[in-house]
Amino acid sequence: MMSKHCPIYGIAIYADCLECDDKPCRKENIKKMKYNKITIGIDQSYKRTGITIIADNQIKKITYIDFKHFANNSEKRECLREKLDVLFKNLSYKSDNITVIIERIRLRSEGFLNINYIKSIGALNAVIIDCAVKYAYPIYSADTRAWKSKIVGTSKPQNNNYYVDPKKWPTIKYVCNLGFKNDILVKLPENTKIKKYFEINGDKYLFNDDAADSCCIALYGNLPKNQTTLKEEK
């Protein structure tokens, strides 16, 4: 199917307008599309950045931006800036109450302090924060252990048959159980060089853990404030 540009969500969010319940292409519906609250969950990384939109307690879209075709981190940040600028601008028509949630930088990973990681993710975070501030959207960060504990219920590794890192499987399993399995599947080309994948009807797939994480981050950010440990970012 051919892609169409959605005047509200942008082409990066709705690839097929036939799947859109809001039908924003109908001008008479524009004024009826307001939501009381929108929460945008973002799981940022230089491999791909997951994005989930929750509107009035309903998951509207789980998607991601793939950075595999960019030569360096600078180009990836510029791509992210452009995509978020379109998304944030278009969502401004949907609600007057929009909040952005990102994953907080982990200062230590497996007991080690990785300065290069902190610098690179900090630069990526700055792009997201700047875009949110541009549209006056409050932006908060969620601690990884906090959102996993509250939403997924566990952060303990779990073995699986889908070649997913056991540490990432609980979140993917959770999102699949919510009914969004198809939203976090990545279809591989026939000539893929990736050796570990699973098949569905003869096609090759992997699970997108960044998209799955963004969903849970958005769900965590959508909880009442007294149930979270969110930290405001400026």
Foldseek 3Di string as FASTA:
>chain_A
DQADAQLQQGCQWDRDCVPAPQNNVDVVSLVVQAAAEKEWFWEDDQQKIWIWIDTPNRTRTTAIGGNPVDDDLVVSLVVVLVNLLSRLVSNVSHYPHYAYEYADDDCDDPRDGDPVSCVSVVVSVVSVVVSCVVSPHWYWHAYPVLLCCVQLVDQDFDDDQFPDGSSLVSLLVSVVVVVCNVRFKDWDDPPDPDDGFDDDPRTTIHGHSNSSVRVSRRVQVPDPPVSGDIDTDD
